[in-house]
Amino acid sequence: MNITESIISYTIAATALTLTPGLDTVLILRTASSEGKKQAFQSAIGINTGCLVWGAAVALGLAALLAVSEVAYTSLKIVGACYLAWLGINFILKPRTTIDSVSTQTRKKQNWFVKGMLGNILNPKIGIFYVSFLPQFIPTGHNLALWTMILVMIHVLLLTIWSSVLILTTTKISGSLRKPNFIKWMDRCTGAIFIAFATKLAFSSK
């Protein structure tokens, strides 16, 4: 596979992956509709940073450890599942009815960049996915580490574009989405989805 074929085929595959709804999509939609554009972009940047961390780990060969070590994979999987479950439980038990009822100090403590980043870093399946997926699109005879990061950057670019579309579309209609009942419903639904993802992650296998 030459460079042109590699980039075209990978971009098509990565676009399909990016558009597939998942935990990242849920987090961005919820943050955009309830918290606002700024917080949603912070979350998106955090998600992208998590992808870059995993990409660097794959490029350095560290993520290969997850593919061969059951203990390492299981440990990170449990930590990630517990983190997602903790976020989900908080959304369910402490749903808001209005954005304005949350103090400025409390909103500052809610670091959406960190939440987005940890959601990816603590998910070992992303590392396994990169390890198994990216090598298929690395041009023959080229540097593995360099091309791994190039492919990850393409994925991050696609994520940025898609996240921006979601955020800008959602925030345009955010006025009608900020009704008390909708905010409470959104928080609780988000919490339930996070717990579902946590359960799926906890019982998943390589």
Foldseek 3Di string as FASTA:
>chain_A
DAQVVLVVVLLVVLLVVLPPDDLLLLLLLLCLLAPHLVLSVLLLLLLLVLLLVLLLCVLVPNLVCLVVDPVVVLVLLLVLLVLLLVQLVCLAVPFFQASVVQDPVNVVVPRSSNVNNSNRNSQSVSSVCLNPPQVVSDGPPDRSSVSSSVSSVSSSVSSSVVSVVSNVVSNVCSVVCRGRVNRSVSSNVSSVSSNVVSVCSNPDDD
